[in-house]
Amino acid sequence: MNWQSPQGMDEYLRPTIYCDSDNTEIQDTAITLTKDTETPKDAALKIFLFVRDEMLFSLDEHTKASQTLRRKTGQCVTKSTLQIALLRATGIPARYHKVNVHKNCLHGLISPEIFNQLPDSIDDHPWCECYLSERWISCEALYDRTLYEAVVKHGIFDRNKITIDWDGESDLATLSSWILKDKGTAPDMDEPIEIHRRAAAQFWHLCREFSQYTVQIRTGGSFD
């Protein structure tokens, strides 16, 4: 890395409890991912692809970025937190953009048993924004490539309407079609993450129990 972090961005560069960008594993991974990059944009793209495709989409409980890195699976909160942590570890300012989305964004991707228990509005769905070329850019890394290609093949997503590709310059908000309310941006989500983690403590075991449904889709198995 041969760039300097922009001035006045301290709150978007510091570690938090869940976004533990000062963790040794996070820092080592960030260095490995970006060692051959020459610009923040190149580094951000490397991190985006890593989080999108190496951290497989799964409805896991809320954990620190370093724990998500070890688990190699995650959902919107955990994948965004890991992406933000890796960006901050490389000196690129990053933050959360929060929205409420309709649960139909998960229709066909998770088991019907879990889907039917979700409220219509999934509140505080976050994606990552990073600061590049003197502006904030959305770079949502929620759905991994293998899962995306599988759901496109089965007609769940329309490739012409929903994309997971990011060029490092344009905004990418994969779930934009399902947004019910835009709640703005935040440098951290520690408090709402902790509140939701405790409130949903009895829900996560069901998510893990039915996680094989998403695995089946990703590997081309039956939807039955």
C-alpha atoms as a PDB file:
ATOM      1  CA  MET A   1       0.000   0.000   0.000  1.00  0.00           C
ATOM      2  CA  ASN A   2       1.415   3.343  -0.999  1.00  0.00           C
ATOM      3  CA  TRP A   3      -1.394   5.766  -0.192  1.00  0.00           C
ATOM      4  CA  GLN A   4      -2.314   8.013   2.715  1.00  0.00           C
ATOM      5  CA  SER A   5      -5.711   7.957   4.390  1.00  0.00           C
ATOM      6  CA  PRO A   6      -7.739  11.120   3.752  1.00  0.00           C
ATOM      7  CA  GLN A   7      -7.833  13.712   6.514  1.00  0.00           C
ATOM      8  CA  GLY A   8     -10.854  14.109   8.797  1.00  0.00           C
ATOM      9  CA  MET A   9     -11.996  10.504   8.470  1.00  0.00           C
ATOM     10  CA  ASP A  10     -10.986   9.151  11.872  1.00  0.00           C
ATOM     11  CA  GLU A  11     -14.445   7.840  12.792  1.00  0.00           C
ATOM     12  CA  TYR A  12     -14.520   5.821   9.553  1.00  0.00           C
ATOM     13  CA  LEU A  13     -11.084   4.323  10.150  1.00  0.00           C
ATOM     14  CA  ARG A  14     -11.120   3.332  13.807  1.00  0.00           C
ATOM     15  CA  PRO A  15     -11.970  -0.159  15.084  1.00  0.00           C
ATOM     16  CA  THR A  16     -15.133  -0.868  17.062  1.00  0.00           C
ATOM     17  CA  ILE A  17     -16.246  -3.851  19.123  1.00  0.00           C
ATOM     18  CA  TYR A  18     -17.806  -5.700  16.194  1.00  0.00           C
ATOM     19  CA  CYS A  19     -15.775  -4.061  13.432  1.00  0.00           C
ATOM     20  CA  ASP A  20     -12.470  -5.140  14.956  1.00  0.00           C
ATOM     21  CA  SER A  21     -10.167  -3.848  12.241  1.00  0.00           C
ATOM     22  CA  ASP A  22      -7.276  -3.885  14.723  1.00  0.00           C
ATOM     23  CA  ASN A  23      -7.516  -7.676  15.042  1.00  0.00           C
ATOM     24  CA  THR A  24      -4.331  -9.435  13.897  1.00  0.00           C
ATOM     25  CA  GLU A  25      -6.165 -11.847  11.561  1.00  0.00           C
ATOM     26  CA  ILE A  26      -8.067  -8.978   9.969  1.00  0.00           C
ATOM     27  CA  GLN A  27      -4.887  -6.982   9.456  1.00  0.00           C
ATOM     28  CA  ASP A  28      -2.957  -9.949   8.082  1.00  0.00           C
ATOM     29  CA  THR A  29      -5.772 -10.766   5.660  1.00  0.00           C
ATOM     30  CA  ALA A  30      -6.000  -7.154   4.523  1.00  0.00           C
ATOM     31  CA  ILE A  31      -2.255  -7.070   3.856  1.00  0.00           C
ATOM     32  CA  THR A  32      -2.378 -10.338   1.917  1.00  0.00           C
ATOM     33  CA  LEU A  33      -5.338  -9.231  -0.195  1.00  0.00           C
ATOM     34  CA  THR A  34      -3.916  -5.836  -1.092  1.00  0.00           C
ATOM     35  CA  LYS A  35      -0.157  -6.452  -1.221  1.00  0.00           C
ATOM     36  CA  ASP A  36       0.005  -6.134  -5.015  1.00  0.00           C
ATOM     37  CA  THR A  37      -2.394  -3.212  -5.361  1.00  0.00           C
ATOM     38  CA  GLU A  38      -1.269   0.289  -6.213  1.00  0.00           C
ATOM     39  CA  THR A  39      -4.421   2.340  -5.531  1.00  0.00           C
ATOM     40  CA  PRO A  40      -7.190   2.385  -2.924  1.00  0.00           C
ATOM     41  CA  LYS A  41      -9.666   1.474  -5.681  1.00  0.00           C
ATOM     42  CA  ASP A  42      -7.704  -1.675  -6.534  1.00  0.00           C
ATOM     43  CA  ALA A  43      -7.514  -2.587  -2.854  1.00  0.00           C
ATOM     44  CA  ALA A  44     -11.232  -1.991  -2.339  1.00  0.00           C
ATOM     45  CA  LEU A  45     -12.041  -4.220  -5.317  1.00  0.00           C
ATOM     46  CA  LYS A  46      -9.851  -7.037  -3.962  1.00  0.00           C
ATOM     47  CA  ILE A  47     -11.555  -6.807  -0.586  1.00  0.00           C
ATOM     48  CA  PHE A  48     -15.018  -6.648  -2.177  1.00  0.00           C
ATOM     49  CA  LEU A  49     -14.447  -9.817  -4.198  1.00  0.00           C
ATOM     50  CA  PHE A  50     -12.993 -11.634  -1.203  1.00  0.00           C
ATOM     51  CA  VAL A  51     -15.920 -10.824   1.075  1.00  0.00           C
ATOM     52  CA  ARG A  52     -18.520 -11.406  -1.633  1.00  0.00           C
ATOM     53  CA  ASP A  53     -17.293 -14.789  -2.820  1.00  0.00           C
ATOM     54  CA  GLU A  54     -15.149 -16.297  -0.067  1.00  0.00           C
ATOM     55  CA  MET A  55     -17.628 -15.504   2.733  1.00  0.00           C
ATOM     56  CA  LEU A  56     -20.628 -17.515   1.551  1.00  0.00           C
ATOM     57  CA  PHE A  57     -24.078 -16.078   2.194  1.00  0.00           C
ATOM     58  CA  SER A  58     -25.737 -17.729   5.188  1.00  0.00           C
ATOM     59  CA  LEU A  59     -28.103 -16.590   7.931  1.00  0.00           C
ATOM     60  CA  ASP A  60     -25.571 -16.719  10.766  1.00  0.00           C
ATOM     61  CA  GLU A  61     -25.719 -15.000  14.119  1.00  0.00           C
ATOM     62  CA  HIS A  62     -24.084 -11.610  14.584  1.00  0.00           C
ATOM     63  CA  THR A  63     -20.378 -11.871  15.339  1.00  0.00           C
ATOM     64  CA  LYS A  64     -17.263  -9.749  15.176  1.00  0.00           C
ATOM     65  CA  ALA A  65     -15.575  -9.290  11.814  1.00  0.00           C
ATOM     66  CA  SER A  66     -12.693 -11.533  12.872  1.00  0.00           C
ATOM     67  CA  GLN A  67     -15.112 -14.340  13.768  1.00  0.00           C
ATOM     68  CA  THR A  68     -16.894 -14.009  10.432  1.00  0.00           C
ATOM     69  CA  LEU A  69     -13.508 -14.263   8.737  1.00  0.00           C
ATOM     70  CA  ARG A  70     -12.848 -17.564  10.505  1.00  0.00           C
ATOM     71  CA  ARG A  71     -16.354 -18.939   9.893  1.00  0.00           C
ATOM     72  CA  LYS A  72     -16.284 -18.038   6.163  1.00  0.00           C
ATOM     73  CA  THR A  73     -20.044 -17.481   6.015  1.00  0.00           C
ATOM     74  CA  GLY A  74     -22.205 -14.485   6.799  1.00  0.00           C
ATOM     75  CA  GLN A  75     -25.301 -12.390   6.239  1.00  0.00           C
ATOM     76  CA  CYS A  76     -25.769  -8.680   5.552  1.00  0.00           C
ATOM     77  CA  VAL A  77     -24.578  -7.420   8.930  1.00  0.00           C
ATOM     78  CA  THR A  78     -21.609  -9.732   9.326  1.00  0.00           C
ATOM     79  CA  LYS A  79     -20.372  -9.527   5.744  1.00  0.00           C
ATOM     80  CA  SER A  80     -20.664  -5.730   5.718  1.00  0.00           C
ATOM     81  CA  THR A  81     -18.844  -5.521   9.034  1.00  0.00           C
ATOM     82  CA  LEU A  82     -16.018  -7.717   7.746  1.00  0.00           C
ATOM     83  CA  GLN A  83     -15.750  -5.678   4.543  1.00  0.00           C
ATOM     84  CA  ILE A  84     -15.607  -2.430   6.503  1.00  0.00           C
ATOM     85  CA  ALA A  85     -13.007  -3.858   8.894  1.00  0.00           C
ATOM     86  CA  LEU A  86     -10.739  -4.993   6.041  1.00  0.00           C
ATOM     87  CA  LEU A  87     -11.057  -1.624   4.302  1.00  0.00           C
ATOM     88  CA  ARG A  88     -10.230   0.255   7.491  1.00  0.00           C
ATOM     89  CA  ALA A  89      -7.253  -2.031   8.065  1.00  0.00           C
ATOM     90  CA  THR A  90      -5.862  -0.808   4.735  1.00  0.00           C
ATOM     91  CA  GLY A  91      -6.496   2.860   5.542  1.00  0.00           C
ATOM     92  CA  ILE A  92      -9.604   3.216   3.364  1.00  0.00           C
ATOM     93  CA  PRO A  93     -12.506   4.958   5.164  1.00  0.00           C
ATOM     94  CA  ALA A  94     -15.624   2.806   5.265  1.00  0.00           C
ATOM     95  CA  ARG A  95     -19.088   3.046   6.817  1.00  0.00           C
ATOM     96  CA  TYR A  96     -22.500   1.386   6.968  1.00  0.00           C
ATOM     97  CA  HIS A  97     -25.492   2.430   4.865  1.00  0.00           C
ATOM     98  CA  LYS A  98     -28.693   1.240   6.555  1.00  0.00           C
ATOM     99  CA  VAL A  99     -32.097   0.592   4.978  1.00  0.00           C
ATOM    100  CA  ASN A 100     -35.250  -1.348   5.697  1.00  0.00           C
ATOM    101  CA  VAL A 101     -35.928  -3.927   2.976  1.00  0.00           C
ATOM    102  CA  HIS A 102     -38.857  -6.198   2.168  1.00  0.00           C
ATOM    103  CA  LYS A 103     -38.246  -9.810   3.074  1.00  0.00           C
ATOM    104  CA  ASN A 104     -38.937 -10.836  -0.528  1.00  0.00           C
ATOM    105  CA  CYS A 105     -35.257 -10.137  -1.200  1.00  0.00           C
ATOM    106  CA  LEU A 106     -34.702 -13.533   0.474  1.00  0.00           C
ATOM    107  CA  HIS A 107     -37.558 -15.386  -1.198  1.00  0.00           C
ATOM    108  CA  GLY A 108     -36.260 -18.610  -2.693  1.00  0.00           C
ATOM    109  CA  LEU A 109     -32.790 -18.150  -1.188  1.00  0.00           C
ATOM    110  CA  ILE A 110     -33.530 -19.412   2.307  1.00  0.00           C
ATOM    111  CA  SER A 111     -35.768 -22.169   3.616  1.00  0.00           C
ATOM    112  CA  PRO A 112     -39.533 -21.481   3.546  1.00  0.00           C
ATOM    113  CA  GLU A 113     -39.668 -22.244   7.278  1.00  0.00           C
ATOM    114  CA  ILE A 114     -37.328 -19.356   8.059  1.00  0.00           C
ATOM    115  CA  PHE A 115     -38.746 -17.051   5.375  1.00  0.00           C
ATOM    116  CA  ASN A 116     -42.300 -17.392   6.732  1.00  0.00           C
ATOM    117  CA  GLN A 117     -41.163 -16.407  10.220  1.00  0.00           C
ATOM    118  CA  LEU A 118     -39.575 -13.149   9.057  1.00  0.00           C
ATOM    119  CA  PRO A 119     -41.494  -9.863   9.337  1.00  0.00           C
ATOM    120  CA  ASP A 120     -42.303  -8.193   6.014  1.00  0.00           C
ATOM    121  CA  SER A 121     -39.782  -5.450   6.796  1.00  0.00           C
ATOM    122  CA  ILE A 122     -36.215  -6.466   7.578  1.00  0.00           C
ATOM    123  CA  ASP A 123     -34.958  -3.437   9.473  1.00  0.00           C
ATOM    124  CA  ASP A 124     -31.444  -1.995   9.484  1.00  0.00           C
ATOM    125  CA  HIS A 125     -30.163  -4.007   6.543  1.00  0.00           C
ATOM    126  CA  PRO A 126     -26.656  -2.606   5.983  1.00  0.00           C
ATOM    127  CA  TRP A 127     -24.218  -2.525   3.137  1.00  0.00           C
ATOM    128  CA  CYS A 128     -20.700  -1.151   2.996  1.00  0.00           C
ATOM    129  CA  GLU A 129     -19.736   2.229   1.581  1.00  0.00           C
ATOM    130  CA  CYS A 130     -16.097   3.147   1.053  1.00  0.00           C
ATOM    131  CA  TYR A 131     -14.500   6.530   0.404  1.00  0.00           C
ATOM    132  CA  LEU A 132     -12.755   6.557  -2.961  1.00  0.00           C
ATOM    133  CA  SER A 133     -11.897   9.441  -5.315  1.00  0.00           C
ATOM    134  CA  GLU A 134     -13.182  11.936  -2.734  1.00  0.00           C
ATOM    135  CA  ARG A 135     -16.711  10.479  -2.552  1.00  0.00           C
ATOM    136  CA  TRP A 136     -18.627   7.711  -0.840  1.00  0.00           C
ATOM    137  CA  ILE A 137     -19.438   4.684  -2.998  1.00  0.00           C
ATOM    138  CA  SER A 138     -21.783   1.799  -2.141  1.00  0.00           C
ATOM    139  CA  CYS A 139     -20.267  -1.661  -2.615  1.00  0.00           C
ATOM    140  CA  GLU A 140     -22.670  -4.302  -1.316  1.00  0.00           C
ATOM    141  CA  ALA A 141     -21.085  -7.766  -1.143  1.00  0.00           C
ATOM    142  CA  LEU A 142     -24.025  -9.783   0.186  1.00  0.00           C
ATOM    143  CA  TYR A 143     -24.627 -12.647  -2.266  1.00  0.00           C
ATOM    144  CA  ASP A 144     -21.684 -14.811  -3.318  1.00  0.00           C
ATOM    145  CA  ARG A 145     -21.143 -15.515  -7.023  1.00  0.00           C
ATOM    146  CA  THR A 146     -21.986 -19.217  -6.829  1.00  0.00           C
ATOM    147  CA  LEU A 147     -25.299 -18.583  -5.097  1.00  0.00           C
ATOM    148  CA  TYR A 148     -26.152 -15.715  -7.451  1.00  0.00           C
ATOM    149  CA  GLU A 149     -25.535 -17.795 -10.571  1.00  0.00           C
ATOM    150  CA  ALA A 150     -27.672 -20.597  -9.142  1.00  0.00           C
ATOM    151  CA  VAL A 151     -30.658 -18.355  -8.382  1.00  0.00           C
ATOM    152  CA  VAL A 152     -30.395 -16.690 -11.792  1.00  0.00           C
ATOM    153  CA  LYS A 153     -30.411 -20.125 -13.411  1.00  0.00           C
ATOM    154  CA  HIS A 154     -33.565 -21.045 -11.511  1.00  0.00           C
ATOM    155  CA  GLY A 155     -35.307 -17.761 -12.347  1.00  0.00           C
ATOM    156  CA  ILE A 156     -35.313 -16.381  -8.808  1.00  0.00           C
ATOM    157  CA  PHE A 157     -33.228 -13.355  -9.853  1.00  0.00           C
ATOM    158  CA  ASP A 158     -33.254 -11.587 -13.203  1.00  0.00           C
ATOM    159  CA  ARG A 159     -29.664 -10.882 -14.233  1.00  0.00           C
ATOM    160  CA  ASN A 160     -30.809  -7.759 -16.106  1.00  0.00           C
ATOM    161  CA  LYS A 161     -32.359  -6.275 -12.962  1.00  0.00           C
ATOM    162  CA  ILE A 162     -30.204  -7.514 -10.088  1.00  0.00           C
ATOM    163  CA  THR A 163     -26.420  -7.475 -10.152  1.00  0.00           C
ATOM    164  CA  ILE A 164     -23.650  -8.323  -7.726  1.00  0.00           C
ATOM    165  CA  ASP A 165     -20.849  -6.820  -9.827  1.00  0.00           C
ATOM    166  CA  TRP A 166     -18.934  -3.717  -8.741  1.00  0.00           C
ATOM    167  CA  ASP A 167     -16.434  -1.679 -10.754  1.00  0.00           C
ATOM    168  CA  GLY A 168     -14.959   0.415  -7.944  1.00  0.00           C
ATOM    169  CA  GLU A 169     -16.552   3.572  -9.342  1.00  0.00           C
ATOM    170  CA  SER A 170     -20.336   3.138  -9.506  1.00  0.00           C
ATOM    171  CA  ASP A 171     -22.679   2.507  -6.588  1.00  0.00           C
ATOM    172  CA  LEU A 172     -23.735  -1.091  -6.029  1.00  0.00           C
ATOM    173  CA  ALA A 173     -26.758  -1.709  -3.806  1.00  0.00           C
ATOM    174  CA  THR A 174     -27.873  -5.206  -4.735  1.00  0.00           C
ATOM    175  CA  LEU A 175     -31.119  -5.056  -2.762  1.00  0.00           C
ATOM    176  CA  SER A 176     -32.189  -1.622  -4.035  1.00  0.00           C
ATOM    177  CA  SER A 177     -35.379  -3.053  -5.613  1.00  0.00           C
ATOM    178  CA  TRP A 178     -36.637  -4.080  -2.172  1.00  0.00           C
ATOM    179  CA  ILE A 179     -35.834  -0.933  -0.166  1.00  0.00           C
ATOM    180  CA  LEU A 180     -38.752   0.262   1.975  1.00  0.00           C
ATOM    181  CA  LYS A 181     -36.950   3.044   3.850  1.00  0.00           C
ATOM    182  CA  ASP A 182     -33.516   4.625   3.609  1.00  0.00           C
ATOM    183  CA  LYS A 183     -32.098   5.231   7.101  1.00  0.00           C
ATOM    184  CA  GLY A 184     -28.836   6.888   6.117  1.00  0.00           C
ATOM    185  CA  THR A 185     -25.259   6.095   7.064  1.00  0.00           C
ATOM    186  CA  ALA A 186     -23.355   5.391  10.259  1.00  0.00           C
ATOM    187  CA  PRO A 187     -19.694   4.888  11.199  1.00  0.00           C
ATOM    188  CA  ASP A 188     -20.565   1.888  13.372  1.00  0.00           C
ATOM    189  CA  MET A 189     -23.465  -0.419  14.258  1.00  0.00           C
ATOM    190  CA  ASP A 190     -22.230  -1.873  17.534  1.00  0.00           C
ATOM    191  CA  GLU A 191     -25.306  -0.922  19.557  1.00  0.00           C
ATOM    192  CA  PRO A 192     -27.997  -2.164  17.144  1.00  0.00           C
ATOM    193  CA  ILE A 193     -25.964  -5.298  16.407  1.00  0.00           C
ATOM    194  CA  GLU A 194     -25.750  -6.133  20.105  1.00  0.00           C
ATOM    195  CA  ILE A 195     -29.459  -5.413  20.668  1.00  0.00           C
ATOM    196  CA  HIS A 196     -30.460  -7.606  17.748  1.00  0.00           C
ATOM    197  CA  ARG A 197     -28.022 -10.347  18.703  1.00  0.00           C
ATOM    198  CA  ARG A 198     -29.636 -10.649  22.116  1.00  0.00           C
ATOM    199  CA  ALA A 199     -33.206 -10.320  20.841  1.00  0.00           C
ATOM    200  CA  ALA A 200     -32.689 -13.018  18.194  1.00  0.00           C
ATOM    201  CA  ALA A 201     -30.699 -15.407  20.377  1.00  0.00           C
ATOM    202  CA  GLN A 202     -33.356 -18.119  20.097  1.00  0.00           C
ATOM    203  CA  PHE A 203     -33.699 -17.638  16.335  1.00  0.00           C
ATOM    204  CA  TRP A 204     -30.159 -18.345  15.187  1.00  0.00           C
ATOM    205  CA  HIS A 205     -30.244 -22.065  15.863  1.00  0.00           C
ATOM    206  CA  LEU A 206     -33.164 -22.353  13.438  1.00  0.00           C
ATOM    207  CA  CYS A 207     -31.153 -20.496  10.824  1.00  0.00           C
ATOM    208  CA  ARG A 208     -28.288 -22.932  11.237  1.00  0.00           C
ATOM    209  CA  GLU A 209     -30.695 -25.876  11.174  1.00  0.00           C
ATOM    210  CA  PHE A 210     -32.144 -24.828   7.826  1.00  0.00           C
ATOM    211  CA  SER A 211     -28.914 -23.526   6.306  1.00  0.00           C
ATOM    212  CA  GLN A 212     -28.686 -26.618   4.124  1.00  0.00           C
ATOM    213  CA  TYR A 213     -31.465 -25.181   1.964  1.00  0.00           C
ATOM    214  CA  THR A 214     -29.184 -22.368   0.792  1.00  0.00           C
ATOM    215  CA  VAL A 215     -26.311 -24.819   0.394  1.00  0.00           C
ATOM    216  CA  GLN A 216     -28.503 -26.991  -1.844  1.00  0.00           C
ATOM    217  CA  ILE A 217     -29.336 -24.021  -4.059  1.00  0.00           C
ATOM    218  CA  ARG A 218     -25.691 -23.025  -4.327  1.00  0.00           C
ATOM    219  CA  THR A 219     -24.615 -26.541  -5.301  1.00  0.00           C
ATOM    220  CA  GLY A 220     -27.441 -27.126  -7.777  1.00  0.00           C
ATOM    221  CA  GLY A 221     -29.465 -29.450  -5.596  1.00  0.00           C
ATOM    222  CA  SER A 222     -33.220 -29.845  -5.321  1.00  0.00           C
ATOM    223  CA  PHE A 223     -35.444 -27.053  -4.022  1.00  0.00           C
ATOM    224  CA  ASP A 224     -37.797 -29.549  -2.386  1.00  0.00           C
END
